[in-house]
Amino acid sequence: MMNFRIALAEDNAVNRNTFMQKLKVTDCLQLVFSASDGNECLEQLKGLPHQSLPQVIFMDLEMPGMDGIEAIHIAKSLYPQIHFIVLTVFDDDEKIFEAIKAGASGYLLKHEPAVILQDAVINVMESGGAPMSPAIARKTLKLLSKTEVPAETVSGSLPVSITQREQEILQHMVNGWDAKRIAAASYISVLTVRKHIANIYEKLHVNSKAQVISLAHKNKWV
């Protein structure tokens, strides 16, 4: 199994220690550094050569100094190749959309076991997935259902600009398939799938898989 470089930004010492203990029972996660807030995370990144940068950073949201959302936003502009997975608690759902816009790739509850952390990194790195704890996914869909949808996307039928191939990929996305599985079923590359997904986002005026799924169900596109 391939090894992946990760980092952690978390201000709570107990939570940092718990995270470290979980890493001891994983097979493929190598901790590059841990930071106590967003500023320290950015400083640690600045001091590393490109080949030693973490590939995935687990990011707490509520931190003193610089919070996780601002840290993700800045770091994504400087290091677009790094993925960020938010480590959150159940009652901070108002931050979900802010973190999505900042560039987060996934959301996990802090109490998730080691195997879930490892699977999330593999999902993000190998399949371009967006891992979420089930409770967070349910809350995200609930929030989306209350979010006003842009008028141009509220329709009983798909926008005419959506191609036949994009409709097929949209169906797979609603079924919960990741880019790797869609590519295998469609006999195209993962990169091509991701380009189609980006086109779907642009044409539907959304910026996340959860929003695509919500629109698809609301308008009975699939």
N, C-alpha and C. Protein backbone atom coordinates (compact mmCIF):
# COMPACT_ATOMS: atom_id res chain seq x y z
N MET A 1 0.85 -1.19 0.00
CA MET A 1 0.00 0.00 0.00
C MET A 1 0.88 1.24 0.00
N MET A 2 0.48 2.22 -0.82
CA MET A 2 1.24 3.46 -0.94
C MET A 2 1.15 4.28 0.33
N ASN A 3 2.24 4.96 0.69
CA ASN A 3 2.23 5.84 1.86
C ASN A 3 1.84 7.26 1.45
N PHE A 4 1.09 7.94 2.31
CA PHE A 4 0.66 9.30 2.05
C PHE A 4 1.12 10.22 3.17
N ARG A 5 1.60 11.39 2.79
CA ARG A 5 2.05 12.38 3.75
C ARG A 5 0.85 13.22 4.21
N ILE A 6 0.69 13.34 5.52
CA ILE A 6 -0.43 14.11 6.05
C ILE A 6 0.06 15.09 7.10
N ALA A 7 -0.79 16.04 7.47
CA ALA A 7 -0.50 16.97 8.56
C ALA A 7 -1.80 17.23 9.32
N LEU A 8 -1.67 17.83 10.49
CA LEU A 8 -2.82 18.12 11.33
C LEU A 8 -2.72 19.54 11.85
N ALA A 9 -3.83 20.28 11.79
CA ALA A 9 -3.94 21.59 12.43
C ALA A 9 -5.08 21.51 13.43
N GLU A 10 -4.76 21.56 14.71
CA GLU A 10 -5.74 21.37 15.79
C GLU A 10 -5.21 22.06 17.04
N ASP A 11 -6.02 22.95 17.64
CA ASP A 11 -5.52 23.72 18.78
C ASP A 11 -5.64 22.96 20.10
N ASN A 12 -6.50 21.95 20.17
CA ASN A 12 -6.70 21.23 21.42
C ASN A 12 -5.66 20.13 21.58
N ALA A 13 -4.86 20.21 22.64
CA ALA A 13 -3.76 19.26 22.84
C ALA A 13 -4.26 17.83 23.00
N VAL A 14 -5.39 17.65 23.66
CA VAL A 14 -5.95 16.30 23.84
C VAL A 14 -6.35 15.72 22.50
N ASN A 15 -6.99 16.53 21.67
CA ASN A 15 -7.40 16.06 20.34
C ASN A 15 -6.19 15.74 19.47
N ARG A 16 -5.14 16.56 19.58
CA ARG A 16 -3.91 16.27 18.82
C ARG A 16 -3.33 14.93 19.25
N ASN A 17 -3.27 14.69 20.53
CA ASN A 17 -2.70 13.44 21.04
C ASN A 17 -3.55 12.24 20.61
N THR A 18 -4.86 12.40 20.65
CA THR A 18 -5.75 11.32 20.20
C THR A 18 -5.52 10.99 18.73
N PHE A 19 -5.36 12.04 17.92
CA PHE A 19 -5.09 11.86 16.50
C PHE A 19 -3.78 11.10 16.30
N MET A 20 -2.75 11.47 17.03
CA MET A 20 -1.45 10.79 16.92
C MET A 20 -1.57 9.30 17.28
N GLN A 21 -2.36 9.01 18.29
CA GLN A 21 -2.54 7.61 18.70
C GLN A 21 -3.22 6.82 17.59
N LYS A 22 -4.17 7.43 16.92
CA LYS A 22 -4.85 6.76 15.83
C LYS A 22 -3.89 6.45 14.68
N LEU A 23 -2.97 7.36 14.43
CA LEU A 23 -2.02 7.15 13.34
C LEU A 23 -1.15 5.91 13.55
N LYS A 24 -0.93 5.55 14.79
CA LYS A 24 -0.06 4.41 15.10
C LYS A 24 -0.64 3.09 14.59
N VAL A 25 -1.95 3.04 14.37
CA VAL A 25 -2.55 1.79 13.91
C VAL A 25 -2.95 1.85 12.43
N THR A 26 -2.54 2.91 11.74
CA THR A 26 -2.80 2.98 10.30
C THR A 26 -1.60 2.42 9.55
N ASP A 27 -1.85 2.02 8.31
CA ASP A 27 -0.80 1.38 7.51
C ASP A 27 -0.04 2.33 6.59
N CYS A 28 -0.66 3.45 6.24
CA CYS A 28 -0.07 4.21 5.13
C CYS A 28 -0.02 5.72 5.36
N LEU A 29 -0.24 6.18 6.58
CA LEU A 29 -0.25 7.62 6.83
C LEU A 29 1.00 8.05 7.58
N GLN A 30 1.74 8.98 6.99
CA GLN A 30 2.97 9.50 7.59
C GLN A 30 2.75 10.95 7.98
N LEU A 31 2.85 11.26 9.27
CA LEU A 31 2.62 12.62 9.76
C LEU A 31 3.84 13.49 9.48
N VAL A 32 3.64 14.55 8.72
CA VAL A 32 4.72 15.48 8.40
C VAL A 32 4.88 16.51 9.52
N PHE A 33 3.75 17.05 10.00
CA PHE A 33 3.80 17.98 11.12
C PHE A 33 2.41 18.12 11.73
N SER A 34 2.37 18.69 12.93
CA SER A 34 1.10 19.10 13.54
C SER A 34 1.24 20.56 13.93
N ALA A 35 0.14 21.29 13.87
CA ALA A 35 0.14 22.72 14.18
C ALA A 35 -1.03 23.03 15.10
N SER A 36 -0.89 24.09 15.89
CA SER A 36 -1.92 24.43 16.86
C SER A 36 -2.91 25.47 16.35
N ASP A 37 -2.63 26.07 15.18
CA ASP A 37 -3.60 26.99 14.57
C ASP A 37 -3.23 27.20 13.11
N GLY A 38 -4.03 28.01 12.41
CA GLY A 38 -3.80 28.23 10.99
C GLY A 38 -2.48 28.90 10.68
N ASN A 39 -2.10 29.87 11.49
CA ASN A 39 -0.83 30.57 11.25
C ASN A 39 0.35 29.61 11.32
N GLU A 40 0.35 28.77 12.36
CA GLU A 40 1.45 27.81 12.51
C GLU A 40 1.47 26.81 11.36
N CYS A 41 0.29 26.41 10.91
CA CYS A 41 0.20 25.49 9.78
C CYS A 41 0.86 26.10 8.54
N LEU A 42 0.54 27.35 8.25
CA LEU A 42 1.11 28.02 7.08
C LEU A 42 2.62 28.18 7.22
N GLU A 43 3.08 28.48 8.44
CA GLU A 43 4.52 28.61 8.68
C GLU A 43 5.24 27.29 8.46
N GLN A 44 4.65 26.21 8.92
CA GLN A 44 5.25 24.88 8.74
C GLN A 44 5.32 24.53 7.26
N LEU A 45 4.27 24.85 6.51
CA LEU A 45 4.27 24.57 5.07
C LEU A 45 5.37 25.36 4.37
N LYS A 46 5.53 26.62 4.77
CA LYS A 46 6.51 27.50 4.14
C LYS A 46 7.93 26.95 4.29
N GLY A 47 8.19 26.23 5.36
CA GLY A 47 9.55 25.74 5.62
C GLY A 47 9.87 24.40 4.98
N LEU A 48 8.94 23.83 4.23
CA LEU A 48 9.16 22.49 3.66
C LEU A 48 9.47 22.55 2.17
N PRO A 49 10.40 21.69 1.71
CA PRO A 49 10.60 21.57 0.27
C PRO A 49 9.37 20.95 -0.38
N HIS A 50 9.19 21.20 -1.66
CA HIS A 50 7.98 20.76 -2.36
C HIS A 50 7.73 19.27 -2.19
N GLN A 51 8.78 18.47 -2.30
CA GLN A 51 8.61 17.01 -2.26
C GLN A 51 8.26 16.49 -0.87
N SER A 52 8.37 17.35 0.14
CA SER A 52 8.07 16.94 1.51
C SER A 52 6.75 17.50 2.02
N LEU A 53 6.04 18.27 1.21
CA LEU A 53 4.78 18.85 1.64
C LEU A 53 3.76 17.75 1.91
N PRO A 54 2.89 17.94 2.89
CA PRO A 54 1.82 16.96 3.10
C PRO A 54 0.89 16.95 1.90
N GLN A 55 0.35 15.78 1.60
CA GLN A 55 -0.61 15.66 0.51
C GLN A 55 -2.03 15.94 0.98
N VAL A 56 -2.27 15.66 2.25
CA VAL A 56 -3.58 15.91 2.86
C VAL A 56 -3.35 16.53 4.23
N ILE A 57 -4.11 17.59 4.54
CA ILE A 57 -4.06 18.20 5.86
C ILE A 57 -5.43 18.08 6.52
N PHE A 58 -5.44 17.49 7.71
CA PHE A 58 -6.66 17.45 8.51
C PHE A 58 -6.74 18.77 9.28
N MET A 59 -7.86 19.47 9.11
CA MET A 59 -7.95 20.84 9.61
C MET A 59 -9.14 21.03 10.56
N ASP A 60 -8.84 21.46 11.78
CA ASP A 60 -9.89 21.88 12.70
C ASP A 60 -10.43 23.23 12.21
N LEU A 61 -11.68 23.55 12.55
CA LEU A 61 -12.25 24.81 12.11
C LEU A 61 -12.09 25.92 13.14
N GLU A 62 -12.42 25.63 14.39
CA GLU A 62 -12.38 26.65 15.44
C GLU A 62 -11.02 26.65 16.11
N MET A 63 -10.18 27.61 15.72
CA MET A 63 -8.85 27.75 16.31
C MET A 63 -8.56 29.21 16.56
N PRO A 64 -7.79 29.54 17.60
CA PRO A 64 -7.43 30.94 17.86
C PRO A 64 -6.42 31.42 16.81
N GLY A 65 -6.26 32.71 16.73
CA GLY A 65 -5.30 33.26 15.77
C GLY A 65 -5.89 33.25 14.38
N MET A 66 -5.68 32.17 13.65
CA MET A 66 -6.26 31.99 12.33
C MET A 66 -7.08 30.71 12.34
N ASP A 67 -8.36 30.81 12.02
CA ASP A 67 -9.20 29.61 12.05
C ASP A 67 -8.98 28.74 10.82
N GLY A 68 -9.62 27.58 10.83
CA GLY A 68 -9.39 26.62 9.76
C GLY A 68 -9.85 27.08 8.40
N ILE A 69 -10.96 27.79 8.32
CA ILE A 69 -11.49 28.24 7.03
C ILE A 69 -10.53 29.21 6.36
N GLU A 70 -10.04 30.17 7.11
CA GLU A 70 -9.08 31.13 6.54
C GLU A 70 -7.79 30.42 6.15
N ALA A 71 -7.34 29.47 6.97
CA ALA A 71 -6.11 28.73 6.67
C ALA A 71 -6.26 27.93 5.39
N ILE A 72 -7.40 27.27 5.21
CA ILE A 72 -7.65 26.51 3.99
C ILE A 72 -7.64 27.43 2.78
N HIS A 73 -8.32 28.55 2.89
CA HIS A 73 -8.42 29.50 1.77
C HIS A 73 -7.03 29.98 1.34
N ILE A 74 -6.20 30.35 2.30
CA ILE A 74 -4.86 30.85 1.97
C ILE A 74 -3.98 29.72 1.44
N ALA A 75 -4.01 28.58 2.13
CA ALA A 75 -3.14 27.48 1.74
C ALA A 75 -3.49 26.93 0.36
N LYS A 76 -4.78 26.88 0.02
CA LYS A 76 -5.18 26.38 -1.30
C LYS A 76 -4.68 27.29 -2.42
N SER A 77 -4.59 28.59 -2.15
CA SER A 77 -4.08 29.51 -3.16
C SER A 77 -2.58 29.35 -3.35
N LEU A 78 -1.89 28.97 -2.26
CA LEU A 78 -0.43 28.81 -2.32
C LEU A 78 0.00 27.40 -2.71
N TYR A 79 -0.79 26.41 -2.28
CA TYR A 79 -0.46 25.00 -2.51
C TYR A 79 -1.70 24.27 -3.03
N PRO A 80 -2.10 24.54 -4.27
CA PRO A 80 -3.36 23.96 -4.79
C PRO A 80 -3.37 22.44 -4.84
N GLN A 81 -2.19 21.83 -4.78
CA GLN A 81 -2.13 20.37 -4.85
C GLN A 81 -2.48 19.70 -3.52
N ILE A 82 -2.49 20.45 -2.43
CA ILE A 82 -2.79 19.88 -1.12
C ILE A 82 -4.30 19.78 -0.93
N HIS A 83 -4.75 18.64 -0.40
CA HIS A 83 -6.16 18.44 -0.08
C HIS A 83 -6.38 18.71 1.41
N PHE A 84 -7.55 19.22 1.74
CA PHE A 84 -7.89 19.52 3.13
C PHE A 84 -9.15 18.76 3.53
N ILE A 85 -9.05 18.03 4.64
CA ILE A 85 -10.20 17.35 5.20
C ILE A 85 -10.50 17.99 6.56
N VAL A 86 -11.68 18.52 6.70
CA VAL A 86 -12.06 19.19 7.94
C VAL A 86 -12.35 18.15 9.01
N LEU A 87 -11.83 18.38 10.20
CA LEU A 87 -12.20 17.60 11.38
C LEU A 87 -13.12 18.48 12.21
N THR A 88 -14.35 18.04 12.37
CA THR A 88 -15.35 18.92 12.94
C THR A 88 -16.13 18.23 14.06
N VAL A 89 -16.93 19.01 14.75
CA VAL A 89 -17.88 18.48 15.72
C VAL A 89 -19.28 18.72 15.18
N PHE A 90 -20.24 17.97 15.69
CA PHE A 90 -21.56 17.93 15.08
C PHE A 90 -22.28 19.28 15.09
N ASP A 91 -21.96 20.16 16.04
CA ASP A 91 -22.75 21.37 16.17
C ASP A 91 -22.17 22.58 15.45
N ASP A 92 -21.14 22.40 14.59
CA ASP A 92 -20.60 23.56 13.88
C ASP A 92 -20.97 23.53 12.40
N ASP A 93 -22.19 23.07 12.10
CA ASP A 93 -22.62 22.91 10.72
C ASP A 93 -22.69 24.21 9.94
N GLU A 94 -22.82 25.37 10.64
CA GLU A 94 -22.89 26.64 9.91
C GLU A 94 -21.59 26.94 9.17
N LYS A 95 -20.52 26.23 9.51
CA LYS A 95 -19.23 26.45 8.86
C LYS A 95 -19.05 25.60 7.60
N ILE A 96 -19.96 24.67 7.36
CA ILE A 96 -19.76 23.71 6.27
C ILE A 96 -19.61 24.40 4.93
N PHE A 97 -20.55 25.27 4.56
CA PHE A 97 -20.48 25.91 3.26
C PHE A 97 -19.28 26.85 3.14
N GLU A 98 -18.92 27.50 4.23
CA GLU A 98 -17.75 28.37 4.21
C GLU A 98 -16.50 27.56 3.90
N ALA A 99 -16.40 26.38 4.49
CA ALA A 99 -15.23 25.53 4.25
C ALA A 99 -15.24 24.98 2.83
N ILE A 100 -16.42 24.65 2.29
CA ILE A 100 -16.52 24.19 0.90
C ILE A 100 -15.98 25.27 -0.03
N LYS A 101 -16.43 26.49 0.17
CA LYS A 101 -15.99 27.59 -0.69
C LYS A 101 -14.49 27.84 -0.56
N ALA A 102 -13.96 27.60 0.64
CA ALA A 102 -12.53 27.81 0.86
C ALA A 102 -11.69 26.74 0.16
N GLY A 103 -12.29 25.56 -0.10
CA GLY A 103 -11.55 24.52 -0.81
C GLY A 103 -11.41 23.20 -0.10
N ALA A 104 -12.19 22.96 0.95
CA ALA A 104 -12.11 21.68 1.66
C ALA A 104 -12.60 20.54 0.77
N SER A 105 -11.96 19.38 0.92
CA SER A 105 -12.32 18.20 0.13
C SER A 105 -13.25 17.24 0.87
N GLY A 106 -13.32 17.34 2.21
CA GLY A 106 -14.15 16.40 2.94
C GLY A 106 -14.36 16.85 4.37
N TYR A 107 -15.25 16.13 5.07
CA TYR A 107 -15.61 16.48 6.44
C TYR A 107 -15.75 15.22 7.26
N LEU A 108 -15.01 15.14 8.34
CA LEU A 108 -15.10 14.00 9.24
C LEU A 108 -15.33 14.48 10.66
N LEU A 109 -16.10 13.72 11.41
CA LEU A 109 -16.26 14.00 12.82
C LEU A 109 -14.97 13.63 13.56
N LYS A 110 -14.65 14.35 14.61
CA LYS A 110 -13.37 14.15 15.30
C LYS A 110 -13.25 12.79 15.96
N HIS A 111 -14.38 12.15 16.26
CA HIS A 111 -14.30 10.87 16.96
C HIS A 111 -14.18 9.67 16.02
N GLU A 112 -14.06 9.91 14.70
CA GLU A 112 -13.97 8.79 13.77
C GLU A 112 -12.73 7.94 14.07
N PRO A 113 -12.83 6.61 13.89
CA PRO A 113 -11.69 5.74 14.16
C PRO A 113 -10.60 5.88 13.10
N ALA A 114 -9.46 5.28 13.41
CA ALA A 114 -8.28 5.38 12.54
C ALA A 114 -8.56 4.91 11.12
N VAL A 115 -9.31 3.82 10.97
CA VAL A 115 -9.55 3.27 9.64
C VAL A 115 -10.32 4.25 8.77
N ILE A 116 -11.20 5.06 9.37
CA ILE A 116 -11.95 6.05 8.60
C ILE A 116 -11.03 7.18 8.13
N LEU A 117 -10.10 7.58 8.99
CA LEU A 117 -9.12 8.60 8.59
C LEU A 117 -8.30 8.10 7.41
N GLN A 118 -7.84 6.86 7.51
CA GLN A 118 -7.02 6.30 6.44
C GLN A 118 -7.82 6.17 5.15
N ASP A 119 -9.05 5.66 5.25
CA ASP A 119 -9.89 5.51 4.05
C ASP A 119 -10.18 6.86 3.40
N ALA A 120 -10.35 7.90 4.23
CA ALA A 120 -10.63 9.24 3.70
C ALA A 120 -9.45 9.75 2.87
N VAL A 121 -8.23 9.55 3.37
CA VAL A 121 -7.04 9.99 2.63
C VAL A 121 -6.93 9.23 1.31
N ILE A 122 -7.11 7.92 1.35
CA ILE A 122 -7.05 7.10 0.14
C ILE A 122 -8.12 7.54 -0.86
N ASN A 123 -9.32 7.81 -0.35
CA ASN A 123 -10.44 8.25 -1.19
C ASN A 123 -10.10 9.55 -1.92
N VAL A 124 -9.57 10.51 -1.17
CA VAL A 124 -9.23 11.81 -1.75
C VAL A 124 -8.08 11.68 -2.76
N MET A 125 -7.04 10.94 -2.39
CA MET A 125 -5.84 10.88 -3.21
C MET A 125 -5.99 10.00 -4.45
N GLU A 126 -6.68 8.90 -4.32
CA GLU A 126 -6.74 7.93 -5.44
C GLU A 126 -7.99 8.08 -6.29
N SER A 127 -9.08 8.59 -5.72
CA SER A 127 -10.33 8.63 -6.46
C SER A 127 -10.90 10.03 -6.62
N GLY A 128 -10.24 11.02 -6.04
CA GLY A 128 -10.77 12.37 -6.12
C GLY A 128 -12.10 12.51 -5.39
N GLY A 129 -12.30 11.69 -4.35
CA GLY A 129 -13.56 11.66 -3.64
C GLY A 129 -13.71 12.82 -2.67
N ALA A 130 -14.88 12.87 -2.03
CA ALA A 130 -15.17 13.90 -1.03
C ALA A 130 -15.72 13.20 0.21
N PRO A 131 -14.84 12.61 1.02
CA PRO A 131 -15.30 11.82 2.17
C PRO A 131 -16.03 12.66 3.21
N MET A 132 -17.13 12.11 3.71
CA MET A 132 -17.90 12.77 4.76
C MET A 132 -18.40 11.72 5.75
N SER A 133 -18.37 12.06 7.02
CA SER A 133 -19.03 11.23 8.01
C SER A 133 -20.53 11.23 7.68
N PRO A 134 -21.23 10.11 7.85
CA PRO A 134 -22.66 10.07 7.51
C PRO A 134 -23.47 11.18 8.17
N ALA A 135 -23.20 11.48 9.42
CA ALA A 135 -23.95 12.53 10.11
C ALA A 135 -23.74 13.89 9.46
N ILE A 136 -22.50 14.16 9.03
CA ILE A 136 -22.21 15.43 8.36
C ILE A 136 -22.87 15.46 6.99
N ALA A 137 -22.85 14.34 6.26
CA ALA A 137 -23.49 14.29 4.94
C ALA A 137 -24.98 14.57 5.06
N ARG A 138 -25.63 13.97 6.07
CA ARG A 138 -27.06 14.21 6.25
C ARG A 138 -27.33 15.68 6.57
N LYS A 139 -26.49 16.25 7.41
CA LYS A 139 -26.67 17.65 7.78
C LYS A 139 -26.42 18.56 6.58
N THR A 140 -25.44 18.21 5.74
CA THR A 140 -25.15 19.01 4.55
C THR A 140 -26.34 19.01 3.60
N LEU A 141 -26.92 17.84 3.36
CA LEU A 141 -28.08 17.75 2.48
C LEU A 141 -29.26 18.53 3.06
N LYS A 142 -29.42 18.48 4.37
CA LYS A 142 -30.49 19.23 5.01
C LYS A 142 -30.28 20.73 4.83
N LEU A 143 -29.03 21.17 4.98
CA LEU A 143 -28.73 22.59 4.78
C LEU A 143 -28.98 23.00 3.33
N LEU A 144 -28.59 22.12 2.40
CA LEU A 144 -28.79 22.41 0.99
C LEU A 144 -30.27 22.54 0.66
N SER A 145 -31.09 21.73 1.30
CA SER A 145 -32.52 21.77 1.03
C SER A 145 -33.14 23.10 1.45
N LYS A 146 -32.44 23.81 2.37
CA LYS A 146 -32.93 25.11 2.83
C LYS A 146 -32.27 26.26 2.10
N THR A 147 -31.30 25.93 1.24
CA THR A 147 -30.55 26.97 0.55
C THR A 147 -31.25 27.34 -0.75
N GLU A 148 -31.35 28.61 -0.99
CA GLU A 148 -31.98 29.07 -2.23
C GLU A 148 -31.14 28.66 -3.41
N VAL A 149 -31.77 28.03 -4.39
CA VAL A 149 -31.09 27.57 -5.59
C VAL A 149 -31.15 28.67 -6.64
N PRO A 150 -30.06 28.94 -7.37
CA PRO A 150 -30.09 29.97 -8.41
C PRO A 150 -31.26 29.74 -9.37
N ALA A 151 -31.92 30.83 -9.76
CA ALA A 151 -33.14 30.71 -10.56
C ALA A 151 -32.91 29.96 -11.86
N GLU A 152 -31.74 30.15 -12.47
CA GLU A 152 -31.50 29.54 -13.77
C GLU A 152 -31.39 28.02 -13.69
N THR A 153 -31.22 27.46 -12.47
CA THR A 153 -31.12 26.02 -12.35
C THR A 153 -32.42 25.38 -11.90
N VAL A 154 -33.43 26.20 -11.54
CA VAL A 154 -34.71 25.65 -11.10
C VAL A 154 -35.57 25.38 -12.32
N SER A 155 -35.63 24.15 -12.70
CA SER A 155 -36.34 23.77 -13.91
C SER A 155 -36.71 22.32 -13.83
N GLY A 156 -37.75 21.95 -14.58
CA GLY A 156 -38.15 20.55 -14.58
C GLY A 156 -37.24 19.70 -15.44
N SER A 157 -36.41 20.31 -16.24
CA SER A 157 -35.53 19.55 -17.11
C SER A 157 -34.11 20.09 -17.01
N LEU A 158 -33.17 19.26 -17.41
CA LEU A 158 -31.77 19.68 -17.36
C LEU A 158 -31.52 20.82 -18.34
N PRO A 159 -30.58 21.73 -18.01
CA PRO A 159 -30.20 22.76 -18.98
C PRO A 159 -29.75 22.13 -20.30
N VAL A 160 -30.10 22.75 -21.39
CA VAL A 160 -29.81 22.17 -22.71
C VAL A 160 -28.31 22.05 -22.94
N SER A 161 -27.51 22.81 -22.18
CA SER A 161 -26.06 22.76 -22.38
C SER A 161 -25.43 21.48 -21.82
N ILE A 162 -26.17 20.73 -20.99
CA ILE A 162 -25.66 19.48 -20.43
C ILE A 162 -25.67 18.41 -21.51
N THR A 163 -24.49 17.85 -21.82
CA THR A 163 -24.38 16.86 -22.88
C THR A 163 -24.86 15.48 -22.41
N GLN A 164 -25.02 14.57 -23.37
CA GLN A 164 -25.44 13.21 -23.04
C GLN A 164 -24.45 12.55 -22.10
N ARG A 165 -23.16 12.71 -22.36
CA ARG A 165 -22.14 12.13 -21.50
C ARG A 165 -22.22 12.71 -20.09
N GLU A 166 -22.43 14.03 -20.00
CA GLU A 166 -22.54 14.67 -18.69
C GLU A 166 -23.78 14.18 -17.94
N GLN A 167 -24.86 13.90 -18.66
CA GLN A 167 -26.06 13.34 -18.02
C GLN A 167 -25.75 11.97 -17.42
N GLU A 168 -24.99 11.15 -18.16
CA GLU A 168 -24.61 9.83 -17.66
C GLU A 168 -23.77 9.96 -16.38
N ILE A 169 -22.82 10.88 -16.41
CA ILE A 169 -21.96 11.08 -15.24
C ILE A 169 -22.75 11.64 -14.07
N LEU A 170 -23.69 12.52 -14.35
CA LEU A 170 -24.57 13.06 -13.31
C LEU A 170 -25.34 11.94 -12.63
N GLN A 171 -25.85 10.99 -13.41
CA GLN A 171 -26.57 9.85 -12.85
C GLN A 171 -25.67 9.05 -11.91
N HIS A 172 -24.43 8.81 -12.33
CA HIS A 172 -23.49 8.05 -11.49
C HIS A 172 -23.17 8.82 -10.21
N MET A 173 -23.03 10.15 -10.30
CA MET A 173 -22.75 10.96 -9.12
C MET A 173 -23.88 10.85 -8.10
N VAL A 174 -25.11 10.89 -8.60
CA VAL A 174 -26.28 10.77 -7.72
C VAL A 174 -26.31 9.40 -7.05
N ASN A 175 -25.80 8.40 -7.76
CA ASN A 175 -25.73 7.05 -7.20
C ASN A 175 -24.60 6.87 -6.21
N GLY A 176 -23.80 7.94 -6.02
CA GLY A 176 -22.74 7.89 -5.04
C GLY A 176 -21.40 7.38 -5.56
N TRP A 177 -21.26 7.27 -6.88
CA TRP A 177 -20.01 6.76 -7.44
C TRP A 177 -18.94 7.84 -7.40
N ASP A 178 -17.67 7.41 -7.17
CA ASP A 178 -16.57 8.36 -7.24
C ASP A 178 -16.01 8.38 -8.67
N ALA A 179 -15.04 9.27 -8.91
CA ALA A 179 -14.52 9.47 -10.26
C ALA A 179 -13.88 8.20 -10.84
N LYS A 180 -13.21 7.45 -9.98
CA LYS A 180 -12.54 6.23 -10.45
C LYS A 180 -13.54 5.20 -10.95
N ARG A 181 -14.62 5.02 -10.21
CA ARG A 181 -15.64 4.04 -10.61
C ARG A 181 -16.38 4.50 -11.86
N ILE A 182 -16.67 5.80 -11.94
CA ILE A 182 -17.33 6.33 -13.14
C ILE A 182 -16.45 6.12 -14.37
N ALA A 183 -15.15 6.37 -14.20
CA ALA A 183 -14.22 6.20 -15.33
C ALA A 183 -14.21 4.76 -15.82
N ALA A 184 -14.18 3.81 -14.91
CA ALA A 184 -14.16 2.40 -15.30
C ALA A 184 -15.44 2.00 -16.02
N ALA A 185 -16.57 2.48 -15.53
CA ALA A 185 -17.85 2.13 -16.15
C ALA A 185 -18.05 2.79 -17.50
N SER A 186 -17.44 3.97 -17.67
CA SER A 186 -17.64 4.74 -18.90
C SER A 186 -16.51 4.55 -19.91
N TYR A 187 -15.49 3.78 -19.52
CA TYR A 187 -14.34 3.52 -20.40
C TYR A 187 -13.62 4.81 -20.81
N ILE A 188 -13.49 5.72 -19.84
CA ILE A 188 -12.72 6.94 -20.04
C ILE A 188 -11.79 7.12 -18.85
N SER A 189 -10.88 8.07 -18.95
CA SER A 189 -9.92 8.26 -17.87
C SER A 189 -10.54 9.03 -16.71
N VAL A 190 -9.92 8.89 -15.53
CA VAL A 190 -10.38 9.62 -14.35
C VAL A 190 -10.27 11.12 -14.59
N LEU A 191 -9.20 11.54 -15.28
CA LEU A 191 -9.02 12.96 -15.59
C LEU A 191 -10.18 13.48 -16.43
N THR A 192 -10.60 12.68 -17.42
CA THR A 192 -11.72 13.09 -18.27
C THR A 192 -13.01 13.19 -17.46
N VAL A 193 -13.21 12.24 -16.55
CA VAL A 193 -14.39 12.29 -15.68
C VAL A 193 -14.38 13.58 -14.88
N ARG A 194 -13.24 13.92 -14.32
CA ARG A 194 -13.15 15.13 -13.49
C ARG A 194 -13.42 16.39 -14.32
N LYS A 195 -13.00 16.38 -15.59
CA LYS A 195 -13.29 17.53 -16.46
C LYS A 195 -14.79 17.64 -16.72
N HIS A 196 -15.44 16.49 -16.92
CA HIS A 196 -16.89 16.49 -17.12
C HIS A 196 -17.60 17.00 -15.87
N ILE A 197 -17.13 16.56 -14.70
CA ILE A 197 -17.75 17.00 -13.44
C ILE A 197 -17.59 18.51 -13.27
N ALA A 198 -16.40 19.02 -13.60
CA ALA A 198 -16.17 20.47 -13.52
C ALA A 198 -17.12 21.22 -14.45
N ASN A 199 -17.35 20.65 -15.64
CA ASN A 199 -18.29 21.27 -16.59
C ASN A 199 -19.72 21.27 -16.04
N ILE A 200 -20.08 20.16 -15.39
CA ILE A 200 -21.42 20.06 -14.80
C ILE A 200 -21.59 21.14 -13.72
N TYR A 201 -20.59 21.27 -12.85
CA TYR A 201 -20.64 22.30 -11.80
C TYR A 201 -20.86 23.68 -12.41
N GLU A 202 -20.08 23.97 -13.46
CA GLU A 202 -20.16 25.30 -14.08
C GLU A 202 -21.53 25.54 -14.70
N LYS A 203 -22.05 24.54 -15.41
CA LYS A 203 -23.32 24.71 -16.11
C LYS A 203 -24.51 24.79 -15.15
N LEU A 204 -24.38 24.14 -13.98
CA LEU A 204 -25.46 24.17 -13.00
C LEU A 204 -25.28 25.27 -11.97
N HIS A 205 -24.15 25.99 -12.07
CA HIS A 205 -23.85 27.10 -11.14
C HIS A 205 -23.78 26.61 -9.70
N VAL A 206 -23.07 25.51 -9.49
CA VAL A 206 -22.87 24.96 -8.15
C VAL A 206 -21.38 24.72 -7.96
N ASN A 207 -20.98 24.35 -6.74
CA ASN A 207 -19.56 24.12 -6.50
C ASN A 207 -19.29 22.90 -5.64
N SER A 208 -20.27 21.98 -5.57
CA SER A 208 -20.03 20.77 -4.80
C SER A 208 -20.90 19.63 -5.31
N LYS A 209 -20.45 18.41 -5.04
CA LYS A 209 -21.21 17.22 -5.40
C LYS A 209 -22.55 17.18 -4.68
N ALA A 210 -22.55 17.61 -3.42
CA ALA A 210 -23.80 17.59 -2.64
C ALA A 210 -24.85 18.50 -3.27
N GLN A 211 -24.43 19.65 -3.80
CA GLN A 211 -25.37 20.56 -4.45
C GLN A 211 -25.92 19.96 -5.74
N VAL A 212 -25.07 19.26 -6.48
CA VAL A 212 -25.52 18.60 -7.71
C VAL A 212 -26.59 17.57 -7.38
N ILE A 213 -26.32 16.75 -6.36
CA ILE A 213 -27.27 15.71 -5.97
C ILE A 213 -28.59 16.32 -5.51
N SER A 214 -28.51 17.40 -4.74
CA SER A 214 -29.71 18.06 -4.25
C SER A 214 -30.56 18.58 -5.41
N LEU A 215 -29.90 19.24 -6.38
CA LEU A 215 -30.62 19.75 -7.54
C LEU A 215 -31.25 18.62 -8.36
N ALA A 216 -30.51 17.55 -8.52
CA ALA A 216 -31.00 16.41 -9.31
C ALA A 216 -32.27 15.84 -8.70
N HIS A 217 -32.29 15.71 -7.38
CA HIS A 217 -33.47 15.18 -6.71
C HIS A 217 -34.63 16.16 -6.75
N LYS A 218 -34.34 17.44 -6.51
CA LYS A 218 -35.41 18.43 -6.51
C LYS A 218 -36.12 18.52 -7.85
N ASN A 219 -35.33 18.45 -8.93
CA ASN A 219 -35.88 18.66 -10.27
C ASN A 219 -36.18 17.35 -11.00
N LYS A 220 -35.96 16.21 -10.28
CA LYS A 220 -36.25 14.88 -10.86
C LYS A 220 -35.54 14.70 -12.21
N TRP A 221 -34.23 15.08 -12.20
CA TRP A 221 -33.44 14.89 -13.41
C TRP A 221 -33.03 13.44 -13.60
N VAL A 222 -32.96 12.69 -12.52
CA VAL A 222 -32.50 11.29 -12.61
C VAL A 222 -33.48 10.39 -11.87
